[in-house]
Every structure is written in C-alpha cells, then in structure tokens.
Amino acid sequence: MSETVHDVVGVGVGPFNLGLAAMLDGVEEEVDAAFLERDPEFHWHEGMLLEGTTLEVPFLADLVSLADPTNPHSYLNYLRETGRIYEFYFYETFQIPRREYDDYLRWVAERLDSCRFSREVTDVRWDDGDECYVVTARHPETDERFEYRGEHLALGVGSRPQVPEQLQGHPEEDVFHTAKYRFNRDRVLDADSVTVVGSGQSAAEVFQDLLERQSAHDYRLDWLTRSDGFFPMEYSKLGLQHFTPEYERYVYDLPQETKDDLVPNQDLLYKGVDPGTSAEIYDLLYRRSIGDRDPDVGLFAMTEVRDIASAGDAYALDCHQWQAETSFVHESEVVVLGTGYERPMPGFLEPLEDAISWDERGRFEVTEDHRLEIDVPGDVFLQNADLHTHGVGVPDLGLGCHRNTRFVNRLLGREAYPEDADTVYQDFSVEQFVEHAPDTTRQRGPEPTPAQDD
C-alpha cells in the first residue's frame, strides 16, 4: 500500500483518460498521475476492428492535436515514429482505419508511465484526514491488492454493451452483441441464416461484412431495426457544428426537462449509418442482383424484436412492425445484436454515494466544466458520463481534447492549453447571436406576464 498522494488518479484507460494522461505528460510542470485499467493491456473495441472500417471522425481528433498539435503523443508523430508518415501522405484521407487508431492508442499507452494495467478498481472513498481520495484496486488474475491516493479523480470507465433483458439468456456464440462480432465471426459464417438487429453504425458494419462474405458461405442474411429506416448519420459540415464547445455550453444552460426531451430526438447526430457505409451496402446489393439474381438478403425497418426463443437448431424472433401494428415470427440460426451501449453507475462509487449530488432521476449533477458535484474538496473529472447535462457531443472523440484541456488547466491553476471559445460559424443561444451581431440585433427583456381575468 502506497502512501504517495498523486495529483490525480484516473479510473479507466480509454481514449478520454488516455488523452488526459498524454496531455498531462506534455506540460512543463511535473504532474503526479496514475491511471488504472482492469485489462492487462490497452485495447479499444476489439470486437469491431474489422477490415475496411474507419474512424467516424478525422484523424485530428486524436488524443492531443486539437489542444496542442506539437504534442509528441499526436497521431502524426505516431506515423513519424513508426515510419508511416509518407504512406499516410499518399493515403489522402481524413478518416483513418479503425485498426490503425487502435494501434495508435496502444502506442501512446505504452509510452506513458502513468498508465497501470491489471488494476481493477473495487472501491473509492474520501479520506478526511489526508484530504484525498483512496482508490482500492485488485489484480484480476492474482487478486493482489493495491491502494492509490489522489487529490483528484478522473472517472473514465466508459460504456458497456447493452442487451435488453428479453433478448438475454441464450448461448453467447449464437446470440451476441456486435461488440463480440469479430471473436464469433467463424461461428457466424458456418450458420445457415444470420440476422442483424439494430440500425446504427456497428450493425451496418457487421451487415456489410457478412454481405461481402455471403457468396463464399451461402447463408441467408437479414437486417431488422425498429427505427423508421436505415438512415444516414448526419455528417454535413453545418450539422457537425453540434459537436463543439459552443453547443455544449448552450445545451448545459437549458432546463433539464428540455435536455431530456432534446437528446433522444437527436439520434441521427450520433446513431445513424455512415453515408459511405450505406452506399457500399447498396452498391454491393445492386451488383448481386444483376441478371435478375436474388441476393438472398432482407432489410426490414420499423420492426421491434420483442423476444427471442429457442426453436430447434435456430431461434424464433418475436417481431412487431409497429407502424402497421403487425406481428410475425422470424427464424434465424445466429442473431447479432446492435442494441447500443449503456453507462451503469460504477459500484466502486458506493462509499461516496452520500457526498455525490444526484438529480431527481438518479443521475450525476455536473458542473459546466464536466466535474461531478460532490461534497468533498477533491474534484472528480467526468469522462463521457454527462450526456444528460451536456448533450450529444459528450461521447465524441473530437471534444475529448477540449474537455481534457479544462481538466489540465484546473489541475495546474493556469491555462496550460488554450480553451477555445469561438470555433464555429453558427450561434446556438440568443446571447451568442447578439454578441456576434451587436450593431444589428439586440435582446429584448423578459416577456410580460399576461393579464389575468378577474
């Protein structure tokens, strides 16, 4: 057990906390940090590292470049150090292969002494005497115990695959989440029929991969979604301005009731299908159908899968087409579920439960600069845990640098990295619009209260 009190202890080493570690490594002051990860080594969405898939954001949304392009942990320096910078120069694209992004993250993690692997955090409490957080961890294989102390915390445990309860309880090699697709692909290719459920990018990539392999393996392939259709993700330049510091500030200032209505209605900002993936799927289907051939593929939208039951060597999917209010049963030997991800409350926070501020729905109360509202002196920096307060940009890799910039500057008590405040052409709030057009626009006062009848 160490008596060292770190400046900050990070829980979880995903892209956001890894970015914080990299940015702390790039400042002049020595910051004593420890980032703890339960896995034995770094990996990022291993089950979806498929050939041909790309990152959904430009390579500039690496761990550090949007805050400091000269940082040695940048993606471009990774290319320089690994001898691939000229190859990338001729590659001529902003969206890089997902497998290379994973390799880049691993490269950074191996360069940082602050990242500690095989450390599963089991308990976090506040020590009033030493005025620090006490983080207890264990080695998942040996059960060796560790204790880390930190003035502040960086919570970056990420999300986990979500499978609705009614779809659970089946052999994992037959019914599984897209997050495990690459590990189960050999089993899938041996099946007589495969069904993909969901309409997001992960489901689309699995469907495309299976469509490309279908001719060699001869299975029936279906794609079901309860969404209105297989719609593209919003990727226009003006639409992408929703993933900016300005839009985050605008959303944060809205009433919570308004935010709770807003986020679920912005699905296509972050849950649709990449237009390129959609085009490739269509083009492949078109080529397969030349000469009046049947590609043996089905795509069916507006259909909710309500239950899955065993049916001999296959599974019976209880389906409901909600628009036509028609139910039917669909059979498939293998089912791949693109049912999204969830962010459950970490159990290790239980000792802090009484100190944490919760909203009426049991969610974190959060400050504008992404810190947990908590009744102890130490900060808790939140990574990707405040969608309900800051909006759709929270999970976006492109905003990771901005969030970490604010964390680093607060830790150091100075502006080590610039905090960008005017990054887009669009205004979201009336105050922003008035500020940018002072000579032509002015804000009115509050609307008068309507007179009441006697």
Protein backbone atom coordinates (compact mmCIF):
# COMPACT_ATOMS: atom_id res chain seq x y z
CA MET A 1 0.00 0.00 0.00
CA SER A 2 1.46 3.31 -1.10
CA GLU A 3 1.34 6.48 1.00
CA THR A 4 2.07 8.62 -2.07
CA VAL A 5 -0.69 11.12 -2.79
CA HIS A 6 -0.96 11.63 -6.54
CA ASP A 7 -2.25 14.85 -8.00
CA VAL A 8 -4.89 12.83 -9.85
CA VAL A 9 -5.88 9.18 -10.04
CA GLY A 10 -7.73 8.08 -13.17
CA VAL A 11 -10.12 5.15 -13.18
CA GLY A 12 -10.28 3.51 -16.59
CA VAL A 13 -7.89 3.89 -19.53
CA GLY A 14 -9.96 4.50 -22.64
CA PRO A 15 -9.35 7.20 -25.26
CA PHE A 16 -10.52 10.06 -22.99
CA ASN A 17 -8.49 9.25 -19.88
CA LEU A 18 -5.58 8.21 -22.08
CA GLY A 19 -5.83 11.65 -23.69
CA LEU A 20 -5.75 13.28 -20.27
CA ALA A 21 -2.65 11.27 -19.38
CA ALA A 22 -0.98 12.30 -22.66
CA MET A 23 -1.81 15.98 -22.17
CA LEU A 24 -0.54 15.95 -18.58
CA ASP A 25 2.67 14.39 -19.88
CA GLY A 26 3.08 17.36 -22.20
CA VAL A 27 3.07 20.20 -19.65
CA GLU A 28 6.13 21.82 -18.13
CA GLU A 29 5.13 21.17 -14.53
CA GLU A 30 5.55 17.65 -13.21
CA VAL A 31 2.07 16.25 -12.50
CA ASP A 32 1.98 13.04 -10.50
CA ALA A 33 -0.78 10.98 -12.09
CA ALA A 34 -1.80 7.33 -12.06
CA PHE A 35 -4.38 5.88 -14.44
CA LEU A 36 -5.78 2.46 -13.56
CA GLU A 37 -7.20 -0.09 -16.02
CA ARG A 38 -8.51 -3.58 -15.21
CA ASP A 39 -7.46 -5.10 -18.55
CA PRO A 40 -3.89 -6.45 -18.85
CA GLU A 41 -3.13 -4.21 -21.82
CA PHE A 42 -4.74 -1.45 -23.81
CA HIS A 43 -7.38 -2.32 -26.36
CA TRP A 44 -10.20 -0.39 -27.99
CA HIS A 45 -13.38 -2.05 -29.31
CA GLU A 46 -11.51 -5.21 -30.27
CA GLY A 47 -14.64 -7.00 -31.40
CA MET A 48 -15.33 -4.37 -34.10
CA LEU A 49 -11.86 -3.85 -35.56
CA LEU A 50 -12.96 -5.04 -38.99
CA GLU A 51 -11.01 -4.68 -42.21
CA GLY A 52 -12.14 -1.61 -44.12
CA THR A 53 -13.84 0.15 -41.19
CA THR A 54 -12.74 3.69 -40.42
CA LEU A 55 -12.91 6.14 -37.57
CA GLU A 56 -16.02 8.31 -37.74
CA VAL A 57 -14.06 11.49 -37.01
CA PRO A 58 -10.99 13.00 -38.74
CA PHE A 59 -7.55 11.95 -37.54
CA LEU A 60 -7.10 15.40 -35.96
CA ALA A 61 -9.45 14.15 -33.24
CA ASP A 62 -6.58 12.15 -31.78
CA LEU A 63 -5.64 12.37 -28.11
CA VAL A 64 -3.86 15.73 -28.19
CA SER A 65 -3.76 17.57 -31.54
CA LEU A 66 -6.83 19.81 -31.12
CA ALA A 67 -5.24 21.12 -27.92
CA ASP A 68 -1.58 21.01 -28.95
CA PRO A 69 -0.54 19.90 -32.46
CA THR A 70 3.12 19.83 -31.33
CA ASN A 71 2.50 17.26 -28.60
CA PRO A 72 4.73 14.17 -29.06
CA HIS A 73 1.71 11.89 -28.49
CA SER A 74 -0.09 13.09 -31.61
CA TYR A 75 -1.24 10.77 -34.38
CA LEU A 76 1.10 12.44 -36.85
CA ASN A 77 4.06 11.83 -34.55
CA TYR A 78 2.93 8.22 -34.22
CA LEU A 79 3.19 7.97 -38.02
CA ARG A 80 6.61 9.65 -37.95
CA GLU A 81 7.93 7.38 -35.19
CA THR A 82 6.58 4.20 -36.81
CA GLY A 83 7.88 5.11 -40.27
CA ARG A 84 4.49 5.54 -41.96
CA ILE A 85 4.18 9.28 -42.47
CA TYR A 86 4.83 9.23 -46.23
CA GLU A 87 2.46 6.32 -46.68
CA PHE A 88 -0.20 8.38 -44.89
CA TYR A 89 0.65 11.43 -47.00
CA PHE A 90 -0.32 9.49 -50.13
CA TYR A 91 -3.29 7.86 -48.41
CA GLU A 92 -5.03 11.24 -48.72
CA THR A 93 -7.94 10.83 -46.32
CA PHE A 94 -9.03 12.27 -43.00
CA GLN A 95 -10.88 9.16 -41.80
CA ILE A 96 -8.22 6.64 -40.80
CA PRO A 97 -8.61 2.86 -40.45
CA ARG A 98 -10.08 1.89 -37.12
CA ARG A 99 -7.39 -0.74 -36.65
CA GLU A 100 -4.72 1.93 -37.00
CA TYR A 101 -6.45 4.17 -34.48
CA ASP A 102 -6.36 1.26 -32.02
CA ASP A 103 -2.67 0.76 -32.78
CA TYR A 104 -2.02 4.48 -32.24
CA LEU A 105 -3.75 4.42 -28.84
CA ARG A 106 -1.75 1.38 -27.83
CA TRP A 107 1.45 3.15 -28.90
CA VAL A 108 0.63 6.12 -26.66
CA ALA A 109 -0.33 3.93 -23.69
CA GLU A 110 2.98 2.09 -23.88
CA ARG A 111 4.87 5.41 -23.77
CA LEU A 112 3.17 6.69 -20.60
CA ASP A 113 4.44 5.56 -17.22
CA SER A 114 1.24 6.83 -15.59
CA CYS A 115 -0.89 4.02 -17.11
CA ARG A 116 -1.15 0.96 -14.85
CA PHE A 117 -2.83 -2.14 -16.23
CA SER A 118 -4.35 -5.18 -14.46
CA ARG A 119 -5.74 -2.81 -11.83
CA GLU A 120 -9.47 -3.37 -11.30
CA VAL A 121 -10.84 -0.62 -9.07
CA THR A 122 -13.15 -2.00 -6.39
CA ASP A 123 -13.64 0.91 -4.02
CA VAL A 124 -13.22 4.70 -3.92
CA ARG A 125 -13.63 6.70 -0.71
CA TRP A 126 -12.67 10.10 0.65
CA ASP A 127 -10.14 10.30 3.49
CA ASP A 128 -10.95 13.38 5.60
CA GLY A 129 -7.67 13.14 7.49
CA ASP A 130 -5.37 13.19 4.48
CA GLU A 131 -7.88 15.10 2.34
CA CYS A 132 -7.58 12.78 -0.62
CA TYR A 133 -9.39 10.01 -2.46
CA VAL A 134 -8.36 6.47 -1.55
CA VAL A 135 -8.71 4.12 -4.51
CA THR A 136 -8.56 0.38 -3.85
CA ALA A 137 -7.77 -1.96 -6.73
CA ARG A 138 -7.04 -5.64 -7.30
CA HIS A 139 -5.15 -7.67 -9.88
CA PRO A 140 -7.86 -9.60 -11.75
CA GLU A 141 -5.73 -12.76 -12.03
CA THR A 142 -3.64 -12.86 -8.85
CA ASP A 143 -6.06 -10.96 -6.57
CA GLU A 144 -3.12 -8.85 -5.36
CA ARG A 145 -4.40 -5.66 -3.69
CA PHE A 146 -3.30 -2.11 -4.39
CA GLU A 147 -4.11 1.26 -2.89
CA TYR A 148 -3.73 4.62 -4.65
CA ARG A 149 -4.31 8.05 -3.15
CA GLY A 150 -5.14 11.12 -5.15
CA GLU A 151 -6.13 14.73 -4.53
CA HIS A 152 -8.47 14.44 -7.51
CA LEU A 153 -10.13 11.71 -9.59
CA ALA A 154 -10.67 11.29 -13.33
CA LEU A 155 -13.58 8.95 -13.93
CA GLY A 156 -13.31 7.32 -17.35
CA VAL A 157 -14.79 3.84 -17.07
CA GLY A 158 -16.66 4.12 -20.38
CA SER A 159 -19.69 2.19 -21.52
CA ARG A 160 -20.55 -1.48 -21.87
CA PRO A 161 -22.64 -3.41 -24.42
CA GLN A 162 -26.36 -3.24 -23.73
CA VAL A 163 -28.61 -6.22 -24.44
CA PRO A 164 -32.29 -5.85 -23.49
CA GLU A 165 -33.32 -8.29 -20.79
CA GLN A 166 -35.87 -10.04 -23.02
CA LEU A 167 -33.14 -10.88 -25.53
CA GLN A 168 -30.74 -12.38 -22.99
CA GLY A 169 -30.26 -15.96 -21.81
CA HIS A 170 -29.08 -17.67 -25.00
CA PRO A 171 -25.72 -19.26 -25.88
CA GLU A 172 -23.25 -16.45 -26.48
CA GLU A 173 -21.94 -17.98 -29.69
CA ASP A 174 -25.46 -17.81 -31.20
CA VAL A 175 -26.99 -14.60 -29.81
CA PHE A 176 -24.50 -11.86 -29.02
CA HIS A 177 -23.76 -8.14 -29.15
CA THR A 178 -21.90 -6.56 -32.06
CA ALA A 179 -19.06 -5.82 -29.61
CA LYS A 180 -18.16 -9.54 -29.81
CA TYR A 181 -18.65 -9.96 -33.54
CA ARG A 182 -15.02 -10.42 -34.62
CA PHE A 183 -14.48 -13.07 -31.93
CA ASN A 184 -17.59 -15.01 -33.04
CA ARG A 185 -17.33 -14.49 -36.79
CA ASP A 186 -16.17 -18.03 -37.62
CA ARG A 187 -19.29 -19.41 -35.94
CA VAL A 188 -21.47 -16.92 -37.82
CA LEU A 189 -20.01 -17.88 -41.18
CA ASP A 190 -20.92 -21.53 -40.56
CA ALA A 191 -24.60 -20.73 -39.97
CA ASP A 192 -27.42 -21.27 -42.46
CA SER A 193 -29.09 -17.98 -41.53
CA VAL A 194 -27.95 -14.80 -39.80
CA THR A 195 -29.97 -11.81 -38.58
CA VAL A 196 -28.53 -8.44 -37.58
CA VAL A 197 -30.69 -6.32 -35.26
CA GLY A 198 -30.24 -2.54 -34.99
CA SER A 199 -29.67 0.40 -37.33
CA GLY A 200 -26.55 2.12 -36.00
CA GLN A 201 -23.05 2.13 -37.45
CA SER A 202 -21.95 -1.07 -35.68
CA ALA A 203 -24.94 -3.02 -37.02
CA ALA A 204 -24.30 -1.62 -40.50
CA GLU A 205 -20.63 -2.63 -40.43
CA VAL A 206 -21.49 -6.17 -39.32
CA PHE A 207 -24.15 -6.42 -42.03
CA GLN A 208 -21.71 -5.15 -44.66
CA ASP A 209 -19.02 -7.60 -43.54
CA LEU A 210 -21.48 -10.51 -43.72
CA LEU A 211 -22.82 -9.34 -47.07
CA GLU A 212 -19.31 -9.32 -48.53
CA ARG A 213 -18.70 -12.88 -47.28
CA GLN A 214 -22.12 -14.27 -48.13
CA SER A 215 -21.25 -15.69 -51.55
CA ALA A 216 -18.44 -17.81 -50.13
CA HIS A 217 -20.50 -19.17 -47.22
CA ASP A 218 -24.07 -19.33 -48.58
CA TYR A 219 -26.25 -18.15 -45.67
CA ARG A 220 -29.48 -16.21 -45.56
CA LEU A 221 -28.85 -12.67 -44.28
CA ASP A 222 -31.45 -10.34 -42.74
CA TRP A 223 -31.27 -6.91 -41.14
CA LEU A 224 -34.03 -5.72 -38.80
CA THR A 225 -34.41 -2.42 -37.00
CA ARG A 226 -37.16 -0.74 -35.01
CA SER A 227 -36.06 2.65 -36.41
CA ASP A 228 -38.06 4.32 -39.16
CA GLY A 229 -35.44 3.27 -41.70
CA PHE A 230 -31.75 2.68 -42.42
CA PHE A 231 -30.96 6.36 -42.35
CA PRO A 232 -27.54 8.01 -42.67
CA MET A 233 -25.81 9.70 -39.78
CA GLU A 234 -25.75 13.48 -40.01
CA TYR A 235 -22.37 14.31 -41.47
CA SER A 236 -22.80 17.68 -43.14
CA LYS A 237 -20.35 20.40 -42.19
CA LEU A 238 -23.02 22.60 -40.64
CA GLY A 239 -24.62 19.65 -38.86
CA LEU A 240 -21.29 18.70 -37.30
CA GLN A 241 -21.21 22.04 -35.50
CA HIS A 242 -23.32 20.35 -32.83
CA PHE A 243 -20.08 18.69 -31.70
CA THR A 244 -18.44 21.88 -30.50
CA PRO A 245 -17.74 23.66 -27.20
CA GLU A 246 -20.34 26.32 -28.09
CA TYR A 247 -23.12 23.78 -28.50
CA GLU A 248 -22.16 22.03 -25.26
CA ARG A 249 -22.40 25.32 -23.38
CA TYR A 250 -25.76 26.05 -24.98
CA VAL A 251 -27.18 22.65 -24.00
CA TYR A 252 -25.81 22.88 -20.49
CA ASP A 253 -27.73 26.12 -19.87
CA LEU A 254 -31.06 24.65 -20.97
CA PRO A 255 -33.59 23.47 -18.36
CA GLN A 256 -33.07 19.79 -17.56
CA GLU A 257 -36.57 18.94 -18.76
CA THR A 258 -35.73 20.43 -22.15
CA LYS A 259 -32.45 18.49 -22.32
CA ASP A 260 -34.20 15.23 -21.51
CA ASP A 261 -36.53 15.81 -24.48
CA LEU A 262 -33.73 17.04 -26.76
CA VAL A 263 -31.14 14.26 -26.68
CA PRO A 264 -33.42 11.30 -27.61
CA ASN A 265 -34.57 13.24 -30.68
CA GLN A 266 -31.03 13.76 -32.00
CA ASP A 267 -30.38 10.12 -32.90
CA LEU A 268 -29.09 10.84 -36.38
CA LEU A 269 -26.37 13.08 -35.00
CA TYR A 270 -24.67 10.05 -33.49
CA LYS A 271 -26.66 6.84 -34.07
CA GLY A 272 -27.22 6.59 -37.82
CA VAL A 273 -25.20 4.86 -40.53
CA ASP A 274 -22.16 6.47 -42.10
CA PRO A 275 -23.17 7.58 -45.65
CA GLY A 276 -20.17 5.77 -47.12
CA THR A 277 -21.11 2.51 -45.42
CA SER A 278 -24.70 2.90 -46.60
CA ALA A 279 -23.54 3.48 -50.19
CA GLU A 280 -21.22 0.47 -50.15
CA ILE A 281 -24.03 -1.80 -48.90
CA TYR A 282 -26.39 -0.58 -51.59
CA ASP A 283 -23.80 -0.91 -54.36
CA LEU A 284 -23.00 -4.47 -53.31
CA LEU A 285 -26.69 -5.39 -53.29
CA TYR A 286 -27.06 -3.84 -56.74
CA ARG A 287 -24.19 -5.86 -58.17
CA ARG A 288 -25.51 -9.04 -56.56
CA SER A 289 -28.91 -8.57 -58.22
CA ILE A 290 -27.66 -8.21 -61.84
CA GLY A 291 -29.34 -10.68 -64.19
CA ASP A 292 -32.46 -10.96 -62.02
CA ARG A 293 -30.50 -12.78 -59.32
CA ASP A 294 -31.75 -12.94 -55.74
CA PRO A 295 -29.07 -11.81 -53.27
CA ASP A 296 -30.91 -13.77 -50.50
CA VAL A 297 -30.96 -10.73 -48.26
CA GLY A 298 -33.72 -8.97 -46.35
CA LEU A 299 -33.84 -5.46 -44.86
CA PHE A 300 -36.87 -4.64 -42.74
CA ALA A 301 -37.33 -1.42 -40.77
CA MET A 302 -39.94 -0.25 -38.25
CA THR A 303 -39.70 -3.68 -36.64
CA GLU A 304 -39.06 -4.27 -32.96
CA VAL A 305 -37.68 -7.61 -31.80
CA ARG A 306 -39.67 -8.20 -28.63
CA ASP A 307 -38.34 -11.62 -27.65
CA ILE A 308 -36.05 -14.44 -28.74
CA ALA A 309 -36.85 -18.10 -28.05
CA SER A 310 -35.10 -21.35 -28.95
CA ALA A 311 -36.58 -23.12 -31.97
CA GLY A 312 -34.68 -26.35 -32.55
CA ASP A 313 -31.34 -25.51 -34.12
CA ALA A 314 -32.38 -21.90 -34.63
CA TYR A 315 -34.06 -19.04 -32.76
CA ALA A 316 -37.52 -17.59 -33.17
CA LEU A 317 -37.61 -13.80 -33.07
CA ASP A 318 -40.94 -12.34 -31.95
CA CYS A 319 -41.18 -9.29 -34.21
CA HIS A 320 -43.64 -6.41 -34.30
CA GLN A 321 -43.90 -3.95 -37.18
CA TRP A 322 -45.06 -1.05 -35.04
CA GLN A 323 -46.27 1.26 -37.81
CA ALA A 324 -48.61 -1.29 -39.41
CA GLU A 325 -49.26 -2.89 -35.99
CA THR A 326 -48.47 -6.35 -37.40
CA SER A 327 -46.63 -9.12 -35.58
CA PHE A 328 -44.72 -12.04 -37.07
CA VAL A 329 -42.09 -14.66 -36.19
CA HIS A 330 -38.70 -14.67 -37.91
CA GLU A 331 -36.27 -17.61 -37.53
CA SER A 332 -32.50 -17.34 -37.62
CA GLU A 333 -29.65 -19.62 -36.59
CA VAL A 334 -27.49 -16.72 -35.38
CA VAL A 335 -28.56 -13.28 -34.13
CA VAL A 336 -26.15 -10.33 -33.87
CA LEU A 337 -27.49 -7.53 -31.67
CA GLY A 338 -26.56 -3.93 -32.43
CA THR A 339 -28.53 -2.72 -29.42
CA GLY A 340 -26.20 0.01 -28.26
CA TYR A 341 -24.29 0.69 -25.08
CA GLU A 342 -25.13 1.70 -21.54
CA ARG A 343 -23.28 3.54 -18.80
CA PRO A 344 -24.24 1.96 -15.48
CA MET A 345 -23.29 3.61 -12.21
CA PRO A 346 -19.94 2.12 -11.12
CA GLY A 347 -20.29 0.07 -7.94
CA PHE A 348 -16.97 1.32 -6.61
CA LEU A 349 -18.55 4.77 -6.06
CA GLU A 350 -20.88 3.45 -3.38
CA PRO A 351 -18.74 4.81 -0.48
CA LEU A 352 -19.16 8.30 -1.98
CA GLU A 353 -22.89 7.99 -2.59
CA ASP A 354 -23.94 10.34 0.19
CA ALA A 355 -21.44 13.01 -0.88
CA ILE A 356 -22.47 12.95 -4.55
CA SER A 357 -25.25 15.24 -5.76
CA TRP A 358 -27.94 13.41 -7.75
CA ASP A 359 -30.74 14.75 -9.89
CA GLU A 360 -34.34 13.59 -9.49
CA ARG A 361 -33.74 10.70 -11.90
CA GLY A 362 -30.71 9.40 -10.02
CA ARG A 363 -28.10 10.83 -12.39
CA PHE A 364 -24.98 12.83 -11.62
CA GLU A 365 -25.30 16.56 -11.04
CA VAL A 366 -22.48 18.05 -13.11
CA THR A 367 -20.72 21.40 -13.35
CA GLU A 368 -20.41 23.25 -16.63
CA ASP A 369 -16.75 22.17 -16.93
CA HIS A 370 -17.60 18.44 -16.57
CA ARG A 371 -16.87 17.94 -12.86
CA LEU A 372 -19.04 15.91 -10.55
CA GLU A 373 -20.98 17.91 -7.97
CA ILE A 374 -19.66 16.34 -4.79
CA ASP A 375 -19.44 17.45 -1.16
CA VAL A 376 -15.69 16.89 -0.69
CA PRO A 377 -12.77 19.19 -1.62
CA GLY A 378 -11.31 16.94 -4.33
CA ASP A 379 -12.50 17.25 -7.94
CA VAL A 380 -13.96 14.32 -9.88
CA PHE A 381 -13.43 14.88 -13.61
CA LEU A 382 -16.09 13.10 -15.67
CA GLN A 383 -15.25 11.49 -19.00
CA ASN A 384 -18.27 10.56 -21.13
CA ALA A 385 -20.67 10.37 -18.18
CA ASP A 386 -22.76 13.51 -18.63
CA LEU A 387 -24.76 13.14 -21.84
CA HIS A 388 -27.83 14.20 -19.85
CA THR A 389 -26.28 17.57 -18.93
CA HIS A 390 -24.03 18.45 -21.90
CA GLY A 391 -25.69 16.80 -24.88
CA VAL A 392 -24.71 14.67 -27.86
CA GLY A 393 -21.11 15.88 -28.04
CA VAL A 394 -20.08 14.16 -24.80
CA PRO A 395 -19.07 10.80 -26.38
CA ASP A 396 -17.49 12.45 -29.43
CA LEU A 397 -13.74 11.90 -29.73
CA GLY A 398 -13.33 15.37 -31.20
CA LEU A 399 -14.41 17.02 -27.93
CA GLY A 400 -12.12 14.93 -25.75
CA CYS A 401 -9.26 17.40 -26.09
CA HIS A 402 -11.46 20.34 -25.13
CA ARG A 403 -12.74 18.59 -22.03
CA ASN A 404 -9.24 17.46 -21.02
CA THR A 405 -7.91 20.96 -21.64
CA ARG A 406 -10.25 22.23 -18.95
CA PHE A 407 -9.23 19.43 -16.59
CA VAL A 408 -5.50 20.05 -17.07
CA ASN A 409 -5.86 23.81 -16.65
CA ARG A 410 -7.82 23.34 -13.43
CA LEU A 411 -5.25 20.90 -12.06
CA LEU A 412 -2.41 23.35 -12.81
CA GLY A 413 -4.27 26.53 -11.88
CA ARG A 414 -3.24 28.16 -15.15
CA GLU A 415 -4.00 27.99 -18.87
CA ALA A 416 -1.51 25.36 -19.99
CA TYR A 417 -3.63 24.73 -23.08
CA PRO A 418 -5.89 27.33 -24.76
CA GLU A 419 -9.61 26.96 -24.06
CA ASP A 420 -11.23 27.57 -27.43
CA ALA A 421 -14.35 29.73 -27.23
CA ASP A 422 -15.19 30.70 -30.83
CA THR A 423 -14.88 27.62 -33.02
CA VAL A 424 -17.91 27.64 -35.34
CA TYR A 425 -19.85 29.97 -37.62
CA GLN A 426 -23.20 29.06 -36.07
CA ASP A 427 -24.73 30.58 -32.95
CA PHE A 428 -26.96 28.46 -30.74
CA SER A 429 -28.10 30.79 -27.99
CA VAL A 430 -29.62 34.27 -28.31
CA GLU A 431 -26.73 35.63 -26.24
CA GLN A 432 -24.18 34.24 -28.74
CA PHE A 433 -26.08 35.72 -31.68
CA VAL A 434 -26.43 39.14 -30.07
CA GLU A 435 -22.75 39.14 -29.12
CA HIS A 436 -21.67 38.43 -32.69
CA ALA A 437 -24.08 40.91 -34.30
CA PRO A 438 -24.10 43.84 -31.87
CA ASP A 439 -24.94 46.53 -34.42
CA THR A 440 -27.98 44.84 -35.92
CA THR A 441 -29.51 42.79 -33.12
CA ARG A 442 -30.45 43.39 -29.53
CA GLN A 443 -32.03 41.14 -26.96
CA ARG A 444 -35.43 42.04 -25.55
CA GLY A 445 -36.19 41.80 -21.88
CA PRO A 446 -38.45 39.16 -20.34
CA GLU A 447 -41.85 38.70 -21.92
CA PRO A 448 -44.55 40.46 -19.87
CA THR A 449 -46.80 38.27 -17.79
CA PRO A 450 -50.26 38.02 -19.41
CA ALA A 451 -53.03 39.84 -17.52
CA GLN A 452 -55.39 37.58 -15.62
CA ASP A 453 -59.15 37.83 -15.84
CA ASP A 454 -60.93 38.96 -12.69
